[in-house]
Amino acid sequence: MAPARLRHTRTAATVLAAGLLLSACAGAAQQTSGGGSGTTAATRDETVIIGTGATPQSLEPAIADEVQTDFTVSSMYDKLVTFDGEGNLVPQLATEWSFGEGAASVDLTLRDDVTFHSGNPFTAADVVYTLDRVKRLGLGVASFLSDYESAEAVDDTHVTITLSGPNAAFVGALSKLYVLDSALVAENAGSDDAQQWLATNDAGSGAYELSTYTANQTTEVARYADYWDYDEARPAQVVYRYITESGTLRDELTSGGIDVATGLAATDVTALESADGLRVESLPSMLQLFVMFNTQGSGITADPKVREAIQLAYDYDGHIASILQGKGQVASGLAAPTVGCRYDAGPTEQDVARAKQLLDEAGAAGKSVTMVYQQQIPEHAKAATLLQSNLADIGLTLDLQPVTYPEYTAMLESAETTPDMGLLWDFPYYPEIGPMLYRVYDSQFIDQTNYARYANPEVDELLESGLANPDPEAACQQFVDAQELIVDDHVAMTISNPENSLVLRDGLAMTYDPTSQLFDVSTLVTQ
């Protein structure tokens, strides 16, 4: 018997609340409402300036499922658990954890030496408050914690979490939850559960506390002197400069205006490899570029032969050589090679003759398909153009529609608005493949996060049983079996695994954190 179906927060709620938060962020520089350490302004030598295109719409930690928000707020907040560079679950604010009978509850033991930036002590009550708030808001990271039912503070250092059903992967999901200073947030709750206040303020216990925030321009954070894991090697101050143009990032690096850059185009990374005083560092990445096919629409992508034809038409080697400048590899499955329990289907190879044959068999030659893509992302824009050219070679017309990611997720809310194809990056938000597969391919998330409107009862049963299975090896095999079925159904066109290339000034180093799609700023140190 399959386990009870797990619940999920609707994408519509995420998009709506994110829009409200965006409007709350606009404006001049904001200063945090009090810090506990009394830090003073740092000199330029004590400051690291990061240039990044990851511009947050808000500092609200509840929406840290978005890379843009997560990159900035991760330095200001702590999590209960995290993952090390080898993908092992390790303590942070929680020192121990265990599942109750049937993996339907979790007991946590907490640190007793942590203070928030306000000076308030961290206790179990803060964990309960944070979990309850995420559930109430139903946005962002709530999608990882959909099985959360309730929590009880047994005492100051012990919490019992009750789940709505068995979920042996739940503790891993806590690596995406930033714990709030409940007393401070409650004081500023207003009528929106403190969403507007947290959009420009800091209520964390992390390695850095907020100094100033100017929406769409800069965020400045200062090293927290009373941090429980204090490290003097961390820069005294970190400044985020939000720069979306790769050429500007390149020029700022060479002129000394910034010390670290993320989001550089592959050509600019290559150009900086020989620059004096700079070095390129490629971190492991779980990122993968996909085209997701609408498998249930009235268009031609409902036919698996058409989906396979489109997959075979693409110039994968050209993508790696030209678009990524060799900084990546052709994808070989539904998850990157850095992710455990993946099914390796082997890289897809271009076969134009076979693609034409399949298209003829489907009676689709000469027809049109529509694909949405994020034009502002260089890899996406170039891949969309390349695919358009490749499909013309086999007799298909590809109509391209630029959208933002929130616009795309809104389109998924009904069969009528879901496009034939969607080009996007996707990845496990932490190094466990089951929750990602469940989110993207389980049929209960059609109209939500199931981009392909894909329904396969056998896949559903494998994914849901795998998540509830307390035996890691058995669960892993269930996830592998589900991936093989999904690949055979040609649900997704897996394109590339781009490298996560950063450029740093000499004398700086960082530790790889698999829960961060860019890097965890709190691991940045001077050598």
Protein backbone atom coordinates (compact mmCIF):
# COMPACT_ATOMS: atom_id res chain seq x y z
CA MET A 1 0.00 0.00 0.00
CA ALA A 2 1.32 3.43 -0.87
CA PRO A 3 1.81 5.83 2.07
CA ALA A 4 -0.55 8.72 2.68
CA ARG A 5 0.04 11.39 0.05
CA LEU A 6 2.18 14.21 1.37
CA ARG A 7 0.90 17.75 1.27
CA HIS A 8 2.51 20.66 -0.52
CA THR A 9 2.18 24.45 -0.38
CA ARG A 10 0.69 25.95 -3.52
CA THR A 11 2.95 27.88 -5.84
CA ALA A 12 0.23 30.52 -6.21
CA ALA A 13 0.62 31.47 -2.55
CA THR A 14 4.36 31.80 -3.00
CA VAL A 15 4.03 34.09 -6.00
CA LEU A 16 1.38 36.27 -4.38
CA ALA A 17 3.26 36.72 -1.12
CA ALA A 18 6.54 37.31 -2.96
CA GLY A 19 4.88 40.11 -4.90
CA LEU A 20 3.69 41.73 -1.67
CA LEU A 21 7.18 41.50 -0.24
CA LEU A 22 8.69 43.05 -3.34
CA SER A 23 6.57 46.14 -2.94
CA ALA A 24 7.63 46.36 0.70
CA CYS A 25 11.31 46.42 -0.25
CA ALA A 26 11.36 49.34 -2.62
CA GLY A 27 12.90 52.48 -1.22
CA ALA A 28 15.96 54.02 0.32
CA ALA A 29 18.58 52.46 2.56
CA GLN A 30 17.24 50.71 5.63
CA GLN A 31 19.16 50.12 8.85
CA THR A 32 18.68 47.16 11.13
CA SER A 33 16.75 47.90 14.30
CA GLY A 34 19.51 47.36 16.78
CA GLY A 35 22.35 44.85 16.96
CA GLY A 36 23.71 43.15 20.04
CA SER A 37 27.43 43.47 19.35
CA GLY A 38 28.02 47.19 19.05
CA THR A 39 30.22 46.72 15.99
CA THR A 40 32.02 49.71 14.49
CA ALA A 41 32.59 50.59 10.86
CA ALA A 42 35.26 48.49 9.16
CA THR A 43 38.04 49.83 6.97
CA ARG A 44 38.36 48.87 3.30
CA ASP A 45 41.12 46.41 4.22
CA GLU A 46 38.72 44.69 6.62
CA THR A 47 35.88 44.66 4.09
CA VAL A 48 35.09 42.18 1.35
CA ILE A 49 32.86 43.48 -1.45
CA ILE A 50 30.88 40.88 -3.40
CA GLY A 51 29.53 41.64 -6.82
CA THR A 52 26.56 39.49 -7.75
CA GLY A 53 23.56 39.42 -10.01
CA ALA A 54 21.63 37.57 -7.29
CA THR A 55 19.54 40.60 -6.31
CA PRO A 56 17.13 39.79 -3.47
CA GLN A 57 13.55 40.96 -3.68
CA SER A 58 13.48 41.00 0.10
CA LEU A 59 15.48 39.98 3.18
CA GLU A 60 12.52 37.89 4.40
CA PRO A 61 14.09 34.50 5.31
CA ALA A 62 10.84 32.65 4.65
CA ILE A 63 11.45 33.12 0.91
CA ALA A 64 15.05 31.88 1.04
CA ASP A 65 14.05 29.08 -1.31
CA GLU A 66 14.96 31.69 -3.94
CA VAL A 67 18.69 31.76 -4.70
CA GLN A 68 18.69 35.56 -4.78
CA THR A 69 17.31 35.94 -1.26
CA ASP A 70 19.18 32.99 0.18
CA PHE A 71 22.58 34.29 -0.96
CA THR A 72 22.21 37.49 1.07
CA VAL A 73 20.33 36.31 4.17
CA SER A 74 22.40 33.16 4.75
CA SER A 75 25.11 35.26 6.40
CA MET A 76 22.63 36.67 8.95
CA TYR A 77 20.74 33.55 10.03
CA ASP A 78 21.45 30.10 11.40
CA LYS A 79 19.78 26.82 10.53
CA LEU A 80 19.02 23.85 12.74
CA VAL A 81 21.09 21.49 10.59
CA THR A 82 23.12 21.73 7.41
CA PHE A 83 25.13 19.52 5.06
CA ASP A 84 28.90 19.33 4.79
CA GLY A 85 30.86 19.25 1.53
CA GLU A 86 30.47 15.47 1.33
CA GLY A 87 26.68 15.67 1.56
CA ASN A 88 26.48 14.50 5.19
CA LEU A 89 23.86 15.99 7.50
CA VAL A 90 25.65 17.88 10.32
CA PRO A 91 24.58 19.94 13.38
CA GLN A 92 24.18 23.67 13.52
CA LEU A 93 21.68 25.02 16.09
CA ALA A 94 20.46 21.46 16.68
CA THR A 95 23.13 19.18 18.13
CA GLU A 96 21.17 15.89 17.92
CA TRP A 97 18.01 14.57 16.28
CA SER A 98 16.06 11.35 16.13
CA PHE A 99 12.84 10.12 14.53
CA GLY A 100 9.91 8.79 16.48
CA GLU A 101 8.10 5.60 15.58
CA GLY A 102 7.27 5.36 11.88
CA ALA A 103 9.26 8.54 11.07
CA ALA A 104 6.16 10.60 11.90
CA SER A 105 7.86 12.82 14.50
CA VAL A 106 11.31 14.29 15.14
CA ASP A 107 13.03 15.10 18.45
CA LEU A 108 15.68 17.84 18.40
CA THR A 109 18.28 18.77 21.02
CA LEU A 110 19.44 22.39 20.73
CA ARG A 111 22.54 24.42 21.57
CA ASP A 112 22.35 26.41 24.81
CA ASP A 113 25.04 29.02 24.00
CA VAL A 114 23.46 31.02 21.19
CA THR A 115 22.26 34.62 21.22
CA PHE A 116 20.45 36.52 18.52
CA HIS A 117 21.79 39.82 17.22
CA SER A 118 19.28 41.58 19.48
CA GLY A 119 20.90 39.95 22.53
CA ASN A 120 17.91 37.65 23.11
CA PRO A 121 18.86 34.04 23.95
CA PHE A 122 18.02 31.29 21.47
CA THR A 123 15.61 28.67 22.86
CA ALA A 124 13.23 25.98 21.70
CA ALA A 125 10.44 28.58 21.61
CA ASP A 126 12.18 30.26 18.67
CA VAL A 127 12.17 26.99 16.72
CA VAL A 128 8.45 26.45 17.35
CA TYR A 129 7.66 30.07 16.40
CA THR A 130 9.69 29.87 13.18
CA LEU A 131 8.09 26.61 12.06
CA ASP A 132 4.58 27.81 12.89
CA ARG A 133 5.15 31.10 11.05
CA VAL A 134 6.34 29.34 7.90
CA LYS A 135 3.26 27.13 8.01
CA ARG A 136 0.97 30.14 8.49
CA LEU A 137 2.51 32.08 5.61
CA GLY A 138 2.59 29.07 3.29
CA LEU A 139 5.25 30.55 1.05
CA GLY A 140 8.84 29.93 0.05
CA VAL A 141 10.54 27.37 2.28
CA ALA A 142 7.13 26.05 3.34
CA SER A 143 7.30 23.93 0.19
CA PHE A 144 10.14 21.91 1.79
CA LEU A 145 8.28 21.52 5.08
CA SER A 146 4.84 20.57 3.83
CA ASP A 147 4.64 17.61 6.23
CA TYR A 148 5.07 19.86 9.27
CA GLU A 149 2.04 19.59 11.54
CA SER A 150 3.05 21.14 14.86
CA ALA A 151 5.92 21.51 17.33
CA GLU A 152 6.26 21.57 21.10
CA ALA A 153 9.03 23.13 23.19
CA VAL A 154 9.65 20.41 25.76
CA ASP A 155 12.11 22.72 27.52
CA ASP A 156 14.57 25.40 26.39
CA THR A 157 16.83 22.93 24.57
CA HIS A 158 14.42 20.25 23.34
CA VAL A 159 11.75 20.35 20.62
CA THR A 160 9.39 17.65 19.41
CA ILE A 161 8.10 18.09 15.85
CA THR A 162 4.97 16.21 14.77
CA LEU A 163 4.54 15.44 11.07
CA SER A 164 1.34 14.87 9.13
CA GLY A 165 2.70 11.54 7.90
CA PRO A 166 5.91 9.52 7.71
CA ASN A 167 8.79 11.43 6.12
CA ALA A 168 12.30 10.09 6.67
CA ALA A 169 13.76 13.04 4.71
CA PHE A 170 12.26 15.75 6.94
CA VAL A 171 15.41 16.55 8.95
CA GLY A 172 17.27 17.32 5.72
CA ALA A 173 14.57 19.83 4.82
CA LEU A 174 15.36 21.76 8.01
CA SER A 175 18.61 22.80 6.32
CA LYS A 176 16.49 25.34 4.39
CA LEU A 177 14.86 26.88 7.49
CA TYR A 178 16.42 30.02 9.01
CA VAL A 179 15.51 30.36 12.68
CA LEU A 180 13.99 33.68 13.81
CA ASP A 181 14.32 35.69 17.02
CA SER A 182 10.70 35.12 18.01
CA ALA A 183 10.51 37.91 20.59
CA LEU A 184 11.87 40.52 18.16
CA VAL A 185 9.69 39.38 15.26
CA ALA A 186 6.56 39.27 17.44
CA GLU A 187 7.22 42.87 18.50
CA ASN A 188 7.18 43.88 14.84
CA ALA A 189 4.51 41.48 13.57
CA GLY A 190 2.05 44.17 12.49
CA SER A 191 -0.83 42.87 10.38
CA ASP A 192 1.29 40.71 8.04
CA ASP A 193 3.21 38.47 10.45
CA ALA A 194 6.25 40.79 10.16
CA GLN A 195 6.72 40.22 6.44
CA GLN A 196 7.16 43.91 5.71
CA TRP A 197 9.47 44.40 8.69
CA LEU A 198 11.66 41.40 7.87
CA ALA A 199 11.91 42.56 4.27
CA THR A 200 14.41 45.20 5.44
CA ASN A 201 15.49 44.05 8.91
CA ASP A 202 17.47 41.24 10.55
CA ALA A 203 16.16 38.87 13.24
CA GLY A 204 18.89 36.25 13.08
CA SER A 205 21.72 34.73 15.08
CA GLY A 206 24.15 34.25 12.19
CA ALA A 207 27.80 35.11 11.71
CA TYR A 208 26.88 38.59 10.42
CA GLU A 209 24.33 41.20 11.43
CA LEU A 210 22.68 43.67 9.09
CA SER A 211 24.12 47.19 8.93
CA THR A 212 22.28 48.74 5.96
CA TYR A 213 20.12 47.58 3.08
CA THR A 214 19.33 49.56 -0.07
CA ALA A 215 16.92 47.64 -2.27
CA ASN A 216 18.37 46.56 -5.63
CA GLN A 217 21.69 48.21 -4.84
CA THR A 218 23.62 47.07 -1.76
CA THR A 219 23.46 45.18 1.52
CA GLU A 220 26.10 45.69 4.22
CA VAL A 221 26.62 43.23 7.07
CA ALA A 222 29.07 43.33 9.98
CA ARG A 223 30.71 40.39 11.75
CA TYR A 224 28.73 39.52 14.89
CA ALA A 225 31.09 39.66 17.87
CA ASP A 226 29.01 37.34 20.07
CA TYR A 227 28.50 34.62 17.48
CA TRP A 228 28.54 31.12 18.96
CA ASP A 229 30.94 29.96 16.22
CA TYR A 230 32.99 33.16 16.01
CA ASP A 231 35.97 33.12 13.64
CA GLU A 232 38.26 36.15 13.42
CA ALA A 233 39.33 35.04 9.94
CA ARG A 234 35.92 36.10 8.65
CA PRO A 235 36.00 39.61 7.14
CA ALA A 236 34.89 42.30 9.59
CA GLN A 237 32.42 43.58 7.02
CA VAL A 238 30.85 42.19 3.86
CA VAL A 239 29.17 44.37 1.25
CA TYR A 240 26.91 42.90 -1.43
CA ARG A 241 26.76 45.01 -4.60
CA TYR A 242 23.96 43.90 -6.92
CA ILE A 243 25.35 44.05 -10.46
CA THR A 244 23.53 42.16 -13.19
CA GLU A 245 25.88 42.84 -16.13
CA SER A 246 28.72 40.32 -16.43
CA GLY A 247 30.95 42.84 -18.19
CA THR A 248 30.54 45.29 -15.31
CA LEU A 249 31.43 42.58 -12.80
CA ARG A 250 34.54 41.76 -14.82
CA ASP A 251 35.63 45.40 -14.95
CA GLU A 252 34.97 45.96 -11.24
CA LEU A 253 37.14 42.96 -10.40
CA THR A 254 40.06 44.19 -12.46
CA SER A 255 39.77 47.74 -11.08
CA GLY A 256 39.50 46.63 -7.45
CA GLY A 257 35.92 47.78 -6.96
CA ILE A 258 34.84 44.29 -5.86
CA ASP A 259 36.70 41.33 -4.37
CA VAL A 260 34.43 38.42 -5.27
CA ALA A 261 32.09 37.94 -8.24
CA THR A 262 29.34 35.44 -8.94
CA GLY A 263 27.19 35.12 -12.05
CA LEU A 264 29.91 35.93 -14.59
CA ALA A 265 29.36 34.80 -18.16
CA ALA A 266 31.65 31.96 -19.21
CA THR A 267 33.54 34.24 -21.60
CA ASP A 268 34.33 36.68 -18.77
CA VAL A 269 35.44 33.88 -16.46
CA THR A 270 37.83 32.71 -19.18
CA ALA A 271 39.13 36.25 -19.66
CA LEU A 272 39.92 36.58 -15.93
CA GLU A 273 41.76 33.27 -15.58
CA SER A 274 45.11 34.95 -16.25
CA ALA A 275 44.43 38.24 -14.42
CA ASP A 276 46.96 39.24 -11.77
CA GLY A 277 45.74 39.08 -8.18
CA LEU A 278 42.60 37.09 -9.05
CA ARG A 279 41.79 33.43 -9.22
CA VAL A 280 38.90 31.43 -10.61
CA GLU A 281 37.40 28.81 -8.34
CA SER A 282 34.91 26.24 -9.58
CA LEU A 283 32.74 24.82 -6.81
CA PRO A 284 30.74 21.59 -7.12
CA SER A 285 27.20 22.30 -8.23
CA MET A 286 23.84 20.55 -8.25
CA LEU A 287 22.58 22.94 -10.94
CA GLN A 288 21.13 21.53 -14.15
CA LEU A 289 19.56 23.08 -17.24
CA PHE A 290 16.34 21.44 -18.45
CA VAL A 291 13.60 21.82 -20.98
CA MET A 292 10.39 20.58 -19.38
CA PHE A 293 7.72 19.31 -21.81
CA ASN A 294 4.00 19.75 -21.26
CA THR A 295 2.97 16.09 -21.35
CA GLN A 296 -0.78 16.67 -21.00
CA GLY A 297 -1.51 19.69 -23.16
CA SER A 298 -3.37 19.86 -26.44
CA GLY A 299 -0.12 20.63 -28.26
CA ILE A 300 2.25 18.22 -29.96
CA THR A 301 4.48 17.77 -26.88
CA ALA A 302 1.80 15.48 -25.44
CA ASP A 303 3.22 12.89 -27.88
CA PRO A 304 6.35 11.17 -26.47
CA LYS A 305 7.72 10.76 -30.00
CA VAL A 306 7.74 14.53 -30.43
CA ARG A 307 9.43 14.98 -27.07
CA GLU A 308 12.11 12.49 -28.02
CA ALA A 309 12.57 14.14 -31.42
CA ILE A 310 13.16 17.52 -29.78
CA GLN A 311 15.68 15.95 -27.40
CA LEU A 312 17.60 14.36 -30.30
CA ALA A 313 17.64 17.58 -32.35
CA TYR A 314 19.70 19.62 -29.88
CA ASP A 315 23.43 20.30 -30.29
CA TYR A 316 24.60 19.38 -26.77
CA ASP A 317 28.31 19.45 -27.57
CA GLY A 318 27.90 22.87 -29.15
CA HIS A 319 26.14 24.07 -26.00
CA ILE A 320 29.09 23.06 -23.82
CA ALA A 321 31.78 24.34 -26.19
CA SER A 322 30.17 27.60 -27.30
CA ILE A 323 27.63 28.65 -24.65
CA LEU A 324 29.51 27.42 -21.56
CA GLN A 325 33.00 27.86 -23.01
CA GLY A 326 33.84 24.35 -21.82
CA LYS A 327 32.86 25.15 -18.22
CA GLY A 328 30.38 22.34 -17.70
CA GLN A 329 29.28 19.02 -19.11
CA VAL A 330 26.38 17.45 -20.97
CA ALA A 331 23.72 16.31 -18.49
CA SER A 332 23.32 12.56 -18.08
CA GLY A 333 20.25 12.19 -15.92
CA LEU A 334 17.56 14.04 -13.97
CA ALA A 335 20.09 15.32 -11.44
CA ALA A 336 23.71 16.46 -11.57
CA PRO A 337 26.50 13.91 -10.96
CA THR A 338 27.15 15.53 -7.56
CA VAL A 339 23.75 14.28 -6.30
CA GLY A 340 23.50 10.87 -4.66
CA CYS A 341 20.98 8.18 -5.68
CA ARG A 342 20.77 9.43 -9.25
CA TYR A 343 20.04 7.29 -12.28
CA ASP A 344 22.77 7.77 -14.90
CA ALA A 345 21.03 7.61 -18.26
CA GLY A 346 24.13 8.71 -20.14
CA PRO A 347 24.42 12.01 -22.04
CA THR A 348 21.98 12.54 -24.90
CA GLU A 349 23.66 12.80 -28.30
CA GLN A 350 22.36 14.79 -31.23
CA ASP A 351 20.80 12.60 -33.95
CA VAL A 352 19.07 14.77 -36.54
CA ALA A 353 18.08 11.88 -38.84
CA ARG A 354 16.37 9.99 -36.02
CA ALA A 355 14.69 13.21 -34.83
CA LYS A 356 13.21 13.79 -38.29
CA GLN A 357 11.99 10.19 -38.45
CA LEU A 358 10.22 10.45 -35.08
CA LEU A 359 8.65 13.74 -36.04
CA ASP A 360 7.29 12.25 -39.28
CA GLU A 361 5.92 9.22 -37.41
CA ALA A 362 4.10 11.60 -35.07
CA GLY A 363 2.72 13.63 -37.97
CA ALA A 364 4.20 16.77 -36.44
CA ALA A 365 6.56 17.97 -39.18
CA GLY A 366 5.90 21.59 -40.09
CA LYS A 367 4.09 22.38 -36.83
CA SER A 368 4.94 24.90 -34.09
CA VAL A 369 5.69 24.75 -30.39
CA THR A 370 6.07 27.52 -27.79
CA MET A 371 8.84 27.69 -25.19
CA VAL A 372 9.18 30.13 -22.31
CA TYR A 373 12.64 31.04 -21.04
CA GLN A 374 14.40 33.59 -18.83
CA GLN A 375 16.03 35.95 -21.28
CA GLN A 376 18.09 37.73 -18.60
CA ILE A 377 20.13 34.57 -17.88
CA PRO A 378 22.90 34.27 -20.52
CA GLU A 379 22.90 30.46 -20.70
CA HIS A 380 19.12 30.38 -21.06
CA ALA A 381 18.99 33.04 -23.78
CA LYS A 382 21.70 31.37 -25.87
CA ALA A 383 20.26 27.87 -25.39
CA ALA A 384 16.82 29.07 -26.49
CA THR A 385 18.25 30.50 -29.71
CA LEU A 386 20.30 27.36 -30.38
CA LEU A 387 17.27 25.11 -29.87
CA GLN A 388 15.20 27.31 -32.17
CA SER A 389 17.81 26.82 -34.90
CA ASN A 390 18.12 23.06 -34.27
CA LEU A 391 14.35 22.52 -34.42
CA ALA A 392 14.12 24.41 -37.70
CA ASP A 393 16.56 21.82 -39.07
CA ILE A 394 14.07 19.00 -38.36
CA GLY A 395 10.97 20.87 -39.50
CA LEU A 396 9.61 22.41 -36.30
CA THR A 397 9.01 26.10 -35.63
CA LEU A 398 9.92 27.17 -32.08
CA ASP A 399 8.17 30.31 -30.84
CA LEU A 400 10.17 31.84 -27.97
CA GLN A 401 8.47 33.71 -25.13
CA PRO A 402 10.68 35.50 -22.57
CA VAL A 403 9.29 35.43 -19.01
CA THR A 404 10.47 35.79 -15.44
CA TYR A 405 10.53 32.72 -13.23
CA PRO A 406 7.52 33.89 -11.15
CA GLU A 407 5.60 34.44 -14.40
CA TYR A 408 6.44 30.89 -15.48
CA THR A 409 5.30 29.36 -12.20
CA ALA A 410 2.06 31.31 -12.45
CA MET A 411 1.50 29.85 -15.93
CA LEU A 412 1.72 26.34 -14.46
CA GLU A 413 -1.38 26.86 -12.35
CA SER A 414 -3.74 25.73 -15.11
CA ALA A 415 -3.66 23.44 -18.13
CA GLU A 416 -4.78 26.31 -20.36
CA THR A 417 -1.80 28.53 -19.56
CA THR A 418 0.98 25.92 -19.25
CA PRO A 419 3.33 26.35 -22.24
CA ASP A 420 4.44 23.49 -24.50
CA MET A 421 7.96 23.79 -23.15
CA GLY A 422 9.80 25.61 -20.40
CA LEU A 423 13.56 26.17 -20.20
CA LEU A 424 14.82 26.45 -16.63
CA TRP A 425 17.45 25.57 -14.11
CA ASP A 426 16.38 23.11 -11.44
CA PHE A 427 18.23 21.23 -8.71
CA PRO A 428 17.80 19.64 -5.28
CA TYR A 429 17.76 22.48 -2.75
CA TYR A 430 19.80 20.27 -0.43
CA PRO A 431 21.71 17.08 -1.25
CA GLU A 432 18.84 14.59 -1.11
CA ILE A 433 17.30 13.67 -4.46
CA GLY A 434 13.95 12.31 -3.22
CA PRO A 435 12.34 15.64 -2.29
CA MET A 436 13.32 17.18 -5.64
CA LEU A 437 11.90 14.26 -7.64
CA TYR A 438 8.74 14.35 -5.55
CA ARG A 439 8.31 18.11 -6.04
CA VAL A 440 8.81 18.02 -9.82
CA TYR A 441 7.39 14.66 -10.98
CA ASP A 442 4.68 13.54 -8.53
CA SER A 443 1.25 14.00 -10.14
CA GLN A 444 -0.30 15.63 -7.07
CA PHE A 445 1.76 18.74 -7.88
CA ILE A 446 0.22 19.29 -11.31
CA ASP A 447 -0.87 22.97 -11.29
CA GLN A 448 1.96 23.64 -8.83
CA THR A 449 5.60 22.53 -9.18
CA ASN A 450 5.13 19.67 -11.66
CA TYR A 451 6.38 21.66 -14.67
CA ALA A 452 5.53 18.87 -17.14
CA ARG A 453 2.01 18.10 -15.87
CA TYR A 454 3.36 14.56 -15.67
CA ALA A 455 1.29 11.70 -14.26
CA ASN A 456 2.54 8.16 -13.82
CA PRO A 457 0.99 6.20 -10.91
CA GLU A 458 4.02 3.89 -10.69
CA VAL A 459 6.33 6.88 -10.34
CA ASP A 460 4.04 8.43 -7.70
CA GLU A 461 4.11 5.26 -5.61
CA LEU A 462 7.89 4.90 -5.84
CA LEU A 463 8.51 8.53 -4.85
CA GLU A 464 6.06 8.58 -1.96
CA SER A 465 7.24 5.21 -0.62
CA GLY A 466 10.87 6.33 -0.93
CA LEU A 467 10.29 9.46 1.11
CA ALA A 468 8.59 7.48 3.87
CA ASN A 469 11.15 4.65 3.85
CA PRO A 470 13.45 4.73 6.92
CA ASP A 471 15.93 2.41 5.17
CA PRO A 472 18.26 4.75 3.18
CA GLU A 473 19.45 2.05 0.77
CA ALA A 474 15.94 0.83 -0.03
CA ALA A 475 14.71 4.41 -0.45
CA CYS A 476 17.63 5.16 -2.77
CA GLN A 477 16.71 2.24 -5.02
CA GLN A 478 13.09 3.42 -5.18
CA PHE A 479 14.28 6.86 -6.30
CA VAL A 480 16.56 5.31 -8.94
CA ASP A 481 13.69 3.18 -10.25
CA ALA A 482 11.44 6.24 -10.47
CA GLN A 483 14.07 8.18 -12.40
CA GLU A 484 14.42 5.40 -14.96
CA LEU A 485 10.68 5.49 -15.63
CA ILE A 486 10.68 9.29 -15.96
CA VAL A 487 13.62 9.21 -18.39
CA ASP A 488 11.90 6.54 -20.51
CA ASP A 489 8.80 8.76 -20.71
CA HIS A 490 10.87 11.64 -22.16
CA VAL A 491 9.42 14.10 -19.68
CA ALA A 492 12.45 16.36 -19.52
CA MET A 493 15.22 17.28 -21.92
CA THR A 494 18.33 17.40 -19.74
CA ILE A 495 20.89 19.74 -21.29
CA SER A 496 23.86 20.73 -19.15
CA ASN A 497 25.53 20.82 -15.76
CA PRO A 498 27.22 24.25 -15.75
CA GLU A 499 30.13 24.84 -13.40
CA ASN A 500 29.65 27.21 -10.46
CA SER A 501 32.58 29.48 -11.26
CA LEU A 502 33.52 32.29 -8.89
CA VAL A 503 36.31 34.81 -9.18
CA LEU A 504 38.06 35.87 -5.96
CA ARG A 505 40.84 38.25 -5.06
CA ASP A 506 43.98 36.56 -3.79
CA GLY A 507 43.93 36.00 -0.03
CA LEU A 508 40.28 34.98 0.15
CA ALA A 509 38.91 31.45 0.52
CA MET A 510 35.59 29.74 1.22
CA THR A 511 34.19 26.33 2.11
CA TYR A 512 31.82 24.51 -0.22
CA ASP A 513 28.27 24.30 1.12
CA PRO A 514 25.93 22.04 -0.88
CA THR A 515 22.83 23.85 0.41
CA SER A 516 23.95 27.09 -1.27
CA GLN A 517 23.60 27.40 -5.03
CA LEU A 518 26.27 30.13 -5.10
CA PHE A 519 28.24 29.96 -1.83
CA ASP A 520 27.68 30.50 1.87
CA VAL A 521 29.10 33.95 2.65
CA SER A 522 29.60 33.02 6.31
CA THR A 523 32.30 30.53 5.19
CA LEU A 524 34.31 33.30 3.48
CA VAL A 525 37.65 33.90 5.23
CA THR A 526 40.84 35.88 4.71
CA GLN A 527 44.09 33.92 4.65
